[in-house]
Amino acid sequence: MMRRISPAIAVLLLLVTLVGCASNPLLPGEIRFTWAELNERMTKHFPVEKSVAGLLDVTLSHPRATARVDGPQLRLAVTFDVQVKLSLSGKTVFGIVSLSGLPRYDPDARTIYLDGARVDSLRTDNMPDGLPAALVKAASAVAREALEDKALYALKEEDLHRYSVTLAPRRIEVRAEGIALMLR
C-alpha cells in the first residue's frame, strides 16, 4: 500500500535538498593558484622577441607574477627580464620591466587574462645617452603586447570538476599568496 507525502513535507524536503546543494561542504568556495603555479605556466610562453622599427630588438624572458598594492586593492604584477639590442651600434642593454593590471577570468575559454596593463617601472644597465625615452617606449609596448589578449593561465578540465559537479567561477581576486577564483 502506497502512502502519499503531504505537500508540506514535499516542500520541506525540496528546500532541504536545495539548501544542501547550495552549501555543500565537499565543494570548495574557491580555486586557488599560487604565484609559483602561475609563473610555471607563464614561463612556457617566453621568451618573446620583437623587432621595433628595425632599430631595436627587444626580448622579454623569465616572467614573474606577484601582487602589487595599488591603493585599497591588489593588482596582478608581472616582471620580466628585458634585453634590448641596438641594431645600429650592436650594443645590448639589459634590464627589468614591471607591469601591472587587473586579472580577468573568461569562463568560455577557462583562462585568466591581464586587463589594463600599465608599465610601472623599467630599470636598465649601461644605458646609452639619449636613448632612455625611446627604450622605455619600445620595451613598454612590447611588454604590453606580450600580455594583451594572451592567457596568463588556462584552467584544465579537472580544475573545474569536483565530485561530478562543474564549478563556475564568478569573480577573481588577487591575494598576497596568489590568485583565487571565487565560486560562490
N, C-alpha and C. Protein backbone atom coordinates (compact mmCIF):
# COMPACT_ATOMS: atom_id res chain seq x y z
N MET A 1 0.84 -1.16 0.00
CA MET A 1 0.00 0.00 0.00
C MET A 1 0.90 1.25 0.00
N MET A 2 0.64 2.19 -0.91
CA MET A 2 1.45 3.39 -1.03
C MET A 2 0.85 4.51 -0.19
N ARG A 3 1.75 5.21 0.46
CA ARG A 3 1.30 6.36 1.24
C ARG A 3 1.67 7.63 0.50
N ARG A 4 0.85 8.59 0.56
CA ARG A 4 1.10 9.87 -0.09
C ARG A 4 1.85 10.78 0.87
N ILE A 5 2.77 11.56 0.29
CA ILE A 5 3.51 12.54 1.09
C ILE A 5 2.71 13.84 1.05
N SER A 6 2.56 14.41 2.20
CA SER A 6 1.79 15.66 2.23
C SER A 6 2.57 16.76 1.49
N PRO A 7 1.86 17.70 0.90
CA PRO A 7 2.53 18.79 0.18
C PRO A 7 3.51 19.57 1.06
N ALA A 8 3.21 19.74 2.32
CA ALA A 8 4.10 20.48 3.22
C ALA A 8 5.42 19.74 3.39
N ILE A 9 5.37 18.42 3.54
CA ILE A 9 6.60 17.63 3.69
C ILE A 9 7.38 17.62 2.38
N ALA A 10 6.71 17.56 1.25
CA ALA A 10 7.38 17.57 -0.05
C ALA A 10 8.14 18.89 -0.23
N VAL A 11 7.52 20.01 0.14
CA VAL A 11 8.18 21.31 0.03
C VAL A 11 9.36 21.37 0.98
N LEU A 12 9.21 20.85 2.18
CA LEU A 12 10.29 20.84 3.15
C LEU A 12 11.46 20.02 2.64
N LEU A 13 11.20 18.85 2.09
CA LEU A 13 12.26 18.01 1.52
C LEU A 13 12.97 18.72 0.36
N LEU A 14 12.21 19.40 -0.47
CA LEU A 14 12.79 20.14 -1.59
C LEU A 14 13.70 21.25 -1.08
N LEU A 15 13.25 21.99 -0.08
CA LEU A 15 14.07 23.07 0.49
C LEU A 15 15.35 22.54 1.11
N VAL A 16 15.27 21.44 1.84
CA VAL A 16 16.46 20.84 2.45
C VAL A 16 17.44 20.42 1.37
N THR A 17 16.94 19.84 0.29
CA THR A 17 17.80 19.42 -0.82
C THR A 17 18.48 20.62 -1.46
N LEU A 18 17.74 21.70 -1.72
CA LEU A 18 18.31 22.89 -2.35
C LEU A 18 19.34 23.56 -1.45
N VAL A 19 19.05 23.67 -0.17
CA VAL A 19 20.00 24.27 0.76
C VAL A 19 21.25 23.41 0.84
N GLY A 20 21.09 22.12 0.83
CA GLY A 20 22.24 21.21 0.87
C GLY A 20 23.13 21.37 -0.35
N CYS A 21 22.55 21.59 -1.52
CA CYS A 21 23.34 21.77 -2.74
C CYS A 21 24.06 23.11 -2.72
N ALA A 22 23.41 24.13 -2.19
CA ALA A 22 24.00 25.47 -2.21
C ALA A 22 25.16 25.59 -1.24
N SER A 23 25.15 24.83 -0.17
CA SER A 23 26.21 24.95 0.82
C SER A 23 26.93 23.62 1.03
N ASN A 24 27.15 22.92 -0.05
CA ASN A 24 27.80 21.62 0.03
C ASN A 24 29.21 21.77 0.58
N PRO A 25 29.48 21.20 1.75
CA PRO A 25 30.81 21.35 2.35
C PRO A 25 31.89 20.60 1.57
N LEU A 26 31.51 19.70 0.70
CA LEU A 26 32.50 18.96 -0.08
C LEU A 26 33.04 19.77 -1.25
N LEU A 27 32.27 20.79 -1.67
CA LEU A 27 32.70 21.62 -2.79
C LEU A 27 33.47 22.83 -2.26
N PRO A 28 34.56 23.19 -2.93
CA PRO A 28 35.34 24.34 -2.47
C PRO A 28 34.61 25.65 -2.75
N GLY A 29 34.94 26.68 -2.02
CA GLY A 29 34.38 28.01 -2.25
C GLY A 29 35.21 28.80 -3.24
N GLU A 30 36.41 28.27 -3.54
CA GLU A 30 37.30 28.96 -4.45
C GLU A 30 38.32 27.99 -5.03
N ILE A 31 38.91 28.41 -6.13
CA ILE A 31 40.03 27.67 -6.73
C ILE A 31 41.22 28.60 -6.63
N ARG A 32 42.30 28.14 -6.00
CA ARG A 32 43.47 28.99 -5.79
C ARG A 32 44.65 28.55 -6.64
N PHE A 33 45.42 29.55 -7.07
CA PHE A 33 46.66 29.31 -7.79
C PHE A 33 47.74 30.15 -7.13
N THR A 34 48.83 29.51 -6.77
CA THR A 34 49.93 30.25 -6.15
C THR A 34 50.72 30.98 -7.23
N TRP A 35 51.54 31.92 -6.79
CA TRP A 35 52.39 32.64 -7.75
C TRP A 35 53.32 31.66 -8.45
N ALA A 36 53.81 30.66 -7.75
CA ALA A 36 54.71 29.67 -8.37
C ALA A 36 53.99 28.91 -9.49
N GLU A 37 52.73 28.54 -9.28
CA GLU A 37 51.96 27.85 -10.32
C GLU A 37 51.73 28.75 -11.53
N LEU A 38 51.39 30.00 -11.28
CA LEU A 38 51.16 30.94 -12.37
C LEU A 38 52.47 31.19 -13.14
N ASN A 39 53.57 31.36 -12.41
CA ASN A 39 54.86 31.58 -13.06
C ASN A 39 55.28 30.39 -13.92
N GLU A 40 55.03 29.19 -13.42
CA GLU A 40 55.37 27.97 -14.18
C GLU A 40 54.62 27.93 -15.51
N ARG A 41 53.33 28.27 -15.49
CA ARG A 41 52.53 28.25 -16.73
C ARG A 41 52.97 29.37 -17.68
N MET A 42 53.25 30.58 -17.14
CA MET A 42 53.64 31.69 -17.99
C MET A 42 55.01 31.46 -18.64
N THR A 43 55.91 30.82 -17.93
CA THR A 43 57.26 30.60 -18.44
C THR A 43 57.24 29.81 -19.75
N LYS A 44 56.24 28.98 -19.95
CA LYS A 44 56.15 28.18 -21.17
C LYS A 44 55.97 29.03 -22.42
N HIS A 45 55.50 30.28 -22.27
CA HIS A 45 55.22 31.16 -23.40
C HIS A 45 56.32 32.19 -23.66
N PHE A 46 57.43 32.07 -22.94
CA PHE A 46 58.52 33.03 -23.06
C PHE A 46 59.82 32.30 -23.30
N PRO A 47 60.80 32.94 -23.94
CA PRO A 47 60.93 34.37 -24.23
C PRO A 47 60.10 34.80 -25.43
N VAL A 48 59.80 36.11 -25.44
CA VAL A 48 59.12 36.76 -26.55
C VAL A 48 60.12 37.74 -27.17
N GLU A 49 60.27 37.66 -28.48
CA GLU A 49 61.20 38.56 -29.17
C GLU A 49 60.43 39.40 -30.17
N LYS A 50 60.81 40.67 -30.25
CA LYS A 50 60.11 41.59 -31.17
C LYS A 50 61.09 42.65 -31.65
N SER A 51 61.06 42.91 -32.95
CA SER A 51 61.86 43.97 -33.53
C SER A 51 61.01 45.23 -33.59
N VAL A 52 61.59 46.36 -33.20
CA VAL A 52 60.87 47.62 -33.20
C VAL A 52 61.51 48.53 -34.25
N ALA A 53 60.80 48.73 -35.35
CA ALA A 53 61.21 49.61 -36.44
C ALA A 53 62.59 49.28 -37.00
N GLY A 54 63.04 48.05 -36.83
CA GLY A 54 64.34 47.65 -37.34
C GLY A 54 65.50 48.27 -36.60
N LEU A 55 65.22 49.02 -35.53
CA LEU A 55 66.28 49.70 -34.78
C LEU A 55 66.59 49.01 -33.45
N LEU A 56 65.57 48.40 -32.86
CA LEU A 56 65.72 47.74 -31.57
C LEU A 56 65.16 46.33 -31.66
N ASP A 57 65.86 45.39 -31.08
CA ASP A 57 65.34 44.04 -30.93
C ASP A 57 65.13 43.82 -29.44
N VAL A 58 63.87 43.68 -29.04
CA VAL A 58 63.52 43.55 -27.62
C VAL A 58 63.16 42.10 -27.33
N THR A 59 63.75 41.56 -26.26
CA THR A 59 63.44 40.20 -25.82
C THR A 59 62.98 40.26 -24.36
N LEU A 60 61.80 39.69 -24.11
CA LEU A 60 61.28 39.56 -22.74
C LEU A 60 61.40 38.10 -22.33
N SER A 61 61.90 37.87 -21.12
CA SER A 61 62.04 36.50 -20.64
C SER A 61 61.82 36.45 -19.13
N HIS A 62 61.74 35.26 -18.60
CA HIS A 62 61.60 34.99 -17.17
C HIS A 62 60.49 35.79 -16.49
N PRO A 63 59.23 35.57 -16.90
CA PRO A 63 58.13 36.29 -16.25
C PRO A 63 57.96 35.85 -14.79
N ARG A 64 57.66 36.83 -13.94
CA ARG A 64 57.43 36.55 -12.52
C ARG A 64 56.20 37.34 -12.09
N ALA A 65 55.19 36.64 -11.62
CA ALA A 65 53.95 37.28 -11.19
C ALA A 65 53.92 37.41 -9.68
N THR A 66 53.38 38.54 -9.23
CA THR A 66 53.22 38.81 -7.80
C THR A 66 52.02 39.74 -7.63
N ALA A 67 51.73 40.04 -6.38
CA ALA A 67 50.68 41.02 -6.08
C ALA A 67 51.34 42.39 -5.92
N ARG A 68 50.65 43.42 -6.36
CA ARG A 68 51.15 44.79 -6.22
C ARG A 68 50.05 45.62 -5.57
N VAL A 69 50.39 46.30 -4.48
CA VAL A 69 49.43 47.12 -3.77
C VAL A 69 49.20 48.40 -4.58
N ASP A 70 47.94 48.70 -4.83
CA ASP A 70 47.56 49.90 -5.56
C ASP A 70 46.36 50.51 -4.85
N GLY A 71 46.62 51.34 -3.87
CA GLY A 71 45.53 51.90 -3.07
C GLY A 71 44.89 50.79 -2.25
N PRO A 72 43.55 50.72 -2.29
CA PRO A 72 42.86 49.74 -1.47
C PRO A 72 42.84 48.33 -2.08
N GLN A 73 43.30 48.18 -3.30
CA GLN A 73 43.22 46.87 -3.95
C GLN A 73 44.60 46.34 -4.32
N LEU A 74 44.64 45.05 -4.57
CA LEU A 74 45.85 44.41 -5.07
C LEU A 74 45.72 44.24 -6.57
N ARG A 75 46.78 44.53 -7.30
CA ARG A 75 46.83 44.32 -8.75
C ARG A 75 47.75 43.15 -9.00
N LEU A 76 47.57 42.53 -10.15
CA LEU A 76 48.46 41.46 -10.59
C LEU A 76 49.64 42.13 -11.28
N ALA A 77 50.84 41.90 -10.78
CA ALA A 77 52.05 42.48 -11.35
C ALA A 77 52.88 41.39 -12.01
N VAL A 78 53.43 41.68 -13.17
CA VAL A 78 54.30 40.74 -13.88
C VAL A 78 55.60 41.48 -14.19
N THR A 79 56.72 40.87 -13.80
CA THR A 79 58.04 41.44 -14.04
C THR A 79 58.78 40.54 -15.02
N PHE A 80 59.46 41.15 -15.98
CA PHE A 80 60.22 40.42 -16.99
C PHE A 80 61.67 40.89 -16.98
N ASP A 81 62.57 39.99 -17.35
CA ASP A 81 63.91 40.40 -17.73
C ASP A 81 63.78 40.92 -19.15
N VAL A 82 64.42 42.05 -19.45
CA VAL A 82 64.33 42.62 -20.78
C VAL A 82 65.75 42.79 -21.34
N GLN A 83 65.89 42.45 -22.60
CA GLN A 83 67.15 42.62 -23.30
C GLN A 83 66.85 43.40 -24.57
N VAL A 84 67.56 44.50 -24.76
CA VAL A 84 67.35 45.33 -25.94
C VAL A 84 68.66 45.42 -26.70
N LYS A 85 68.62 44.95 -27.93
CA LYS A 85 69.81 45.03 -28.79
C LYS A 85 69.61 46.21 -29.73
N LEU A 86 70.58 47.12 -29.71
CA LEU A 86 70.54 48.31 -30.56
C LEU A 86 71.16 47.94 -31.91
N SER A 87 70.36 47.88 -32.94
CA SER A 87 70.82 47.40 -34.25
C SER A 87 71.94 48.24 -34.83
N LEU A 88 71.87 49.55 -34.67
CA LEU A 88 72.88 50.43 -35.29
C LEU A 88 74.26 50.30 -34.64
N SER A 89 74.29 50.18 -33.32
CA SER A 89 75.58 50.12 -32.63
C SER A 89 75.99 48.70 -32.26
N GLY A 90 75.04 47.77 -32.28
CA GLY A 90 75.34 46.40 -31.87
C GLY A 90 75.41 46.24 -30.36
N LYS A 91 75.18 47.31 -29.63
CA LYS A 91 75.22 47.27 -28.16
C LYS A 91 73.95 46.62 -27.62
N THR A 92 74.09 45.91 -26.51
CA THR A 92 72.95 45.27 -25.87
C THR A 92 72.76 45.85 -24.48
N VAL A 93 71.52 46.20 -24.16
CA VAL A 93 71.16 46.75 -22.86
C VAL A 93 70.28 45.72 -22.15
N PHE A 94 70.58 45.47 -20.87
CA PHE A 94 69.80 44.53 -20.07
C PHE A 94 69.06 45.28 -18.98
N GLY A 95 67.89 44.76 -18.61
CA GLY A 95 67.14 45.41 -17.55
C GLY A 95 65.96 44.58 -17.10
N ILE A 96 65.07 45.25 -16.38
CA ILE A 96 63.87 44.61 -15.84
C ILE A 96 62.71 45.56 -16.07
N VAL A 97 61.58 45.04 -16.58
CA VAL A 97 60.38 45.83 -16.77
C VAL A 97 59.26 45.20 -15.95
N SER A 98 58.49 46.06 -15.26
CA SER A 98 57.37 45.59 -14.44
C SER A 98 56.08 46.22 -14.93
N LEU A 99 55.06 45.38 -15.10
CA LEU A 99 53.73 45.82 -15.49
C LEU A 99 52.74 45.34 -14.46
N SER A 100 51.61 46.01 -14.39
CA SER A 100 50.55 45.52 -13.52
C SER A 100 49.21 45.82 -14.16
N GLY A 101 48.22 45.05 -13.74
CA GLY A 101 46.86 45.22 -14.24
C GLY A 101 45.90 44.43 -13.38
N LEU A 102 44.67 44.36 -13.83
CA LEU A 102 43.65 43.61 -13.10
C LEU A 102 43.40 42.29 -13.83
N PRO A 103 43.38 41.19 -13.09
CA PRO A 103 43.12 39.92 -13.74
C PRO A 103 41.65 39.80 -14.14
N ARG A 104 41.42 39.13 -15.23
CA ARG A 104 40.05 38.90 -15.72
C ARG A 104 39.92 37.42 -16.06
N TYR A 105 38.82 36.81 -15.60
CA TYR A 105 38.57 35.40 -15.90
C TYR A 105 37.56 35.31 -17.03
N ASP A 106 37.89 34.57 -18.08
CA ASP A 106 36.98 34.34 -19.21
C ASP A 106 36.42 32.93 -19.06
N PRO A 107 35.14 32.79 -18.68
CA PRO A 107 34.58 31.46 -18.43
C PRO A 107 34.47 30.61 -19.69
N ASP A 108 34.26 31.22 -20.85
CA ASP A 108 34.14 30.43 -22.08
C ASP A 108 35.47 29.77 -22.44
N ALA A 109 36.56 30.51 -22.28
CA ALA A 109 37.88 29.96 -22.62
C ALA A 109 38.56 29.33 -21.40
N ARG A 110 37.98 29.50 -20.22
CA ARG A 110 38.55 29.00 -18.96
C ARG A 110 39.97 29.52 -18.77
N THR A 111 40.17 30.81 -19.00
CA THR A 111 41.51 31.39 -18.91
C THR A 111 41.50 32.70 -18.12
N ILE A 112 42.68 33.05 -17.62
CA ILE A 112 42.89 34.29 -16.88
C ILE A 112 43.75 35.21 -17.74
N TYR A 113 43.27 36.45 -17.90
CA TYR A 113 43.98 37.46 -18.69
C TYR A 113 44.33 38.64 -17.79
N LEU A 114 45.22 39.51 -18.27
CA LEU A 114 45.55 40.73 -17.57
C LEU A 114 44.95 41.90 -18.34
N ASP A 115 44.05 42.65 -17.70
CA ASP A 115 43.41 43.81 -18.33
C ASP A 115 44.04 45.10 -17.81
N GLY A 116 44.05 46.09 -18.67
CA GLY A 116 44.52 47.41 -18.26
C GLY A 116 45.97 47.42 -17.85
N ALA A 117 46.81 46.67 -18.56
CA ALA A 117 48.23 46.60 -18.19
C ALA A 117 48.88 47.96 -18.36
N ARG A 118 49.65 48.33 -17.34
CA ARG A 118 50.42 49.57 -17.40
C ARG A 118 51.84 49.26 -16.94
N VAL A 119 52.79 49.99 -17.50
CA VAL A 119 54.18 49.81 -17.11
C VAL A 119 54.41 50.58 -15.82
N ASP A 120 54.87 49.87 -14.79
CA ASP A 120 55.13 50.50 -13.51
C ASP A 120 56.58 50.96 -13.38
N SER A 121 57.50 50.17 -13.97
CA SER A 121 58.90 50.57 -13.90
C SER A 121 59.71 49.86 -14.98
N LEU A 122 60.83 50.49 -15.34
CA LEU A 122 61.80 49.91 -16.26
C LEU A 122 63.17 50.35 -15.78
N ARG A 123 63.99 49.37 -15.40
CA ARG A 123 65.35 49.65 -14.95
C ARG A 123 66.30 48.97 -15.93
N THR A 124 67.35 49.68 -16.31
CA THR A 124 68.32 49.11 -17.25
C THR A 124 69.74 49.36 -16.77
N ASP A 125 70.65 48.55 -17.28
CA ASP A 125 72.08 48.71 -17.05
C ASP A 125 72.70 49.26 -18.33
N ASN A 126 73.75 50.04 -18.20
CA ASN A 126 74.54 50.51 -19.36
C ASN A 126 73.69 51.22 -20.40
N MET A 127 72.88 52.17 -19.98
CA MET A 127 72.01 52.89 -20.90
C MET A 127 72.81 53.93 -21.69
N PRO A 128 72.81 53.86 -23.03
CA PRO A 128 73.48 54.89 -23.82
C PRO A 128 72.75 56.23 -23.68
N ASP A 129 73.51 57.31 -23.75
CA ASP A 129 72.93 58.66 -23.66
C ASP A 129 71.91 58.89 -24.76
N GLY A 130 70.84 59.59 -24.43
CA GLY A 130 69.83 59.95 -25.41
C GLY A 130 68.86 58.84 -25.77
N LEU A 131 68.99 57.67 -25.18
CA LEU A 131 68.13 56.55 -25.55
C LEU A 131 67.02 56.24 -24.55
N PRO A 132 67.08 56.68 -23.31
CA PRO A 132 66.09 56.23 -22.32
C PRO A 132 64.63 56.33 -22.75
N ALA A 133 64.20 57.47 -23.29
CA ALA A 133 62.78 57.63 -23.64
C ALA A 133 62.37 56.63 -24.73
N ALA A 134 63.21 56.47 -25.75
CA ALA A 134 62.89 55.53 -26.83
C ALA A 134 62.88 54.10 -26.32
N LEU A 135 63.83 53.77 -25.44
CA LEU A 135 63.90 52.42 -24.90
C LEU A 135 62.69 52.12 -24.03
N VAL A 136 62.32 53.06 -23.17
CA VAL A 136 61.16 52.87 -22.30
C VAL A 136 59.91 52.65 -23.14
N LYS A 137 59.74 53.48 -24.16
CA LYS A 137 58.56 53.37 -25.02
C LYS A 137 58.53 52.03 -25.75
N ALA A 138 59.66 51.60 -26.32
CA ALA A 138 59.71 50.34 -27.06
C ALA A 138 59.52 49.13 -26.15
N ALA A 139 60.24 49.11 -25.04
CA ALA A 139 60.12 47.97 -24.12
C ALA A 139 58.73 47.89 -23.52
N SER A 140 58.14 49.05 -23.22
CA SER A 140 56.79 49.09 -22.66
C SER A 140 55.78 48.54 -23.66
N ALA A 141 55.90 48.95 -24.92
CA ALA A 141 54.97 48.48 -25.95
C ALA A 141 55.09 46.99 -26.14
N VAL A 142 56.31 46.47 -26.17
CA VAL A 142 56.50 45.03 -26.35
C VAL A 142 55.96 44.27 -25.14
N ALA A 143 56.20 44.77 -23.94
CA ALA A 143 55.71 44.09 -22.73
C ALA A 143 54.19 44.06 -22.69
N ARG A 144 53.55 45.20 -23.00
CA ARG A 144 52.07 45.23 -23.01
C ARG A 144 51.54 44.28 -24.08
N GLU A 145 52.17 44.28 -25.25
CA GLU A 145 51.73 43.40 -26.32
C GLU A 145 51.90 41.93 -25.94
N ALA A 146 52.94 41.62 -25.18
CA ALA A 146 53.19 40.24 -24.76
C ALA A 146 52.09 39.72 -23.84
N LEU A 147 51.44 40.63 -23.11
CA LEU A 147 50.40 40.22 -22.17
C LEU A 147 48.98 40.44 -22.70
N GLU A 148 48.83 41.34 -23.65
CA GLU A 148 47.50 41.69 -24.14
C GLU A 148 46.86 40.52 -24.88
N ASP A 149 45.69 40.15 -24.47
CA ASP A 149 44.91 39.08 -25.10
C ASP A 149 45.62 37.73 -25.12
N LYS A 150 46.60 37.56 -24.24
CA LYS A 150 47.26 36.26 -24.12
C LYS A 150 46.95 35.71 -22.73
N ALA A 151 46.60 34.46 -22.69
CA ALA A 151 46.22 33.85 -21.41
C ALA A 151 47.42 33.76 -20.49
N LEU A 152 47.24 34.24 -19.26
CA LEU A 152 48.27 34.06 -18.25
C LEU A 152 48.18 32.65 -17.67
N TYR A 153 46.96 32.15 -17.61
CA TYR A 153 46.73 30.83 -17.01
C TYR A 153 45.48 30.24 -17.64
N ALA A 154 45.61 29.06 -18.19
CA ALA A 154 44.46 28.35 -18.74
C ALA A 154 44.13 27.20 -17.80
N LEU A 155 42.90 27.19 -17.32
CA LEU A 155 42.49 26.14 -16.40
C LEU A 155 42.32 24.82 -17.15
N LYS A 156 42.68 23.76 -16.47
CA LYS A 156 42.49 22.43 -17.03
C LYS A 156 41.07 21.98 -16.72
N GLU A 157 40.61 21.02 -17.47
CA GLU A 157 39.25 20.49 -17.26
C GLU A 157 39.05 20.04 -15.81
N GLU A 158 40.06 19.37 -15.26
CA GLU A 158 39.92 18.84 -13.89
C GLU A 158 39.93 19.95 -12.83
N ASP A 159 40.42 21.15 -13.17
CA ASP A 159 40.37 22.26 -12.23
C ASP A 159 38.94 22.68 -11.92
N LEU A 160 38.03 22.46 -12.87
CA LEU A 160 36.64 22.92 -12.73
C LEU A 160 35.65 21.80 -12.42
N HIS A 161 36.12 20.61 -12.12
CA HIS A 161 35.22 19.50 -11.80
C HIS A 161 35.58 18.89 -10.46
N ARG A 162 34.59 18.80 -9.60
CA ARG A 162 34.74 18.15 -8.29
C ARG A 162 33.49 17.33 -8.04
N TYR A 163 33.66 16.09 -7.70
CA TYR A 163 32.55 15.22 -7.31
C TYR A 163 31.42 15.25 -8.34
N SER A 164 31.77 15.17 -9.60
CA SER A 164 30.81 15.16 -10.72
C SER A 164 30.02 16.46 -10.85
N VAL A 165 30.55 17.54 -10.28
CA VAL A 165 29.91 18.84 -10.38
C VAL A 165 30.85 19.78 -11.12
N THR A 166 30.32 20.53 -12.07
CA THR A 166 31.11 21.53 -12.78
C THR A 166 31.08 22.83 -11.99
N LEU A 167 32.25 23.32 -11.62
CA LEU A 167 32.34 24.55 -10.85
C LEU A 167 32.31 25.75 -11.79
N ALA A 168 31.68 26.82 -11.35
CA ALA A 168 31.55 28.02 -12.18
C ALA A 168 32.09 29.24 -11.43
N PRO A 169 33.34 29.61 -11.69
CA PRO A 169 33.89 30.79 -11.04
C PRO A 169 33.09 32.05 -11.35
N ARG A 170 32.90 32.91 -10.35
CA ARG A 170 32.09 34.12 -10.51
C ARG A 170 32.96 35.37 -10.58
N ARG A 171 34.06 35.40 -9.83
CA ARG A 171 34.94 36.56 -9.85
C ARG A 171 36.35 36.12 -9.48
N ILE A 172 37.29 37.01 -9.69
CA ILE A 172 38.70 36.69 -9.43
C ILE A 172 39.27 37.70 -8.46
N GLU A 173 40.14 37.24 -7.57
CA GLU A 173 40.78 38.11 -6.59
C GLU A 173 42.28 37.90 -6.63
N VAL A 174 43.03 38.98 -6.45
CA VAL A 174 44.47 38.91 -6.27
C VAL A 174 44.72 38.92 -4.78
N ARG A 175 45.54 37.98 -4.32
CA ARG A 175 45.87 37.89 -2.90
C ARG A 175 47.39 37.90 -2.75
N ALA A 176 47.86 38.06 -1.55
CA ALA A 176 49.30 38.09 -1.31
C ALA A 176 49.97 36.79 -1.75
N GLU A 177 49.28 35.67 -1.62
CA GLU A 177 49.88 34.37 -1.94
C GLU A 177 49.58 33.87 -3.36
N GLY A 178 48.68 34.54 -4.08
CA GLY A 178 48.35 34.11 -5.44
C GLY A 178 47.01 34.66 -5.90
N ILE A 179 46.37 33.91 -6.79
CA ILE A 179 45.08 34.31 -7.36
C ILE A 179 44.02 33.31 -6.90
N ALA A 180 42.81 33.83 -6.65
CA ALA A 180 41.70 32.97 -6.26
C ALA A 180 40.51 33.25 -7.16
N LEU A 181 39.92 32.18 -7.70
CA LEU A 181 38.67 32.27 -8.44
C LEU A 181 37.56 31.92 -7.46
N MET A 182 36.69 32.89 -7.20
CA MET A 182 35.63 32.69 -6.23
C MET A 182 34.46 31.97 -6.90
N LEU A 183 33.97 30.90 -6.25
CA LEU A 183 32.91 30.08 -6.82
C LEU A 183 31.54 30.46 -6.30
N ARG A 184 31.44 31.05 -5.15
CA ARG A 184 30.15 31.38 -4.54
C ARG A 184 30.01 32.86 -4.34
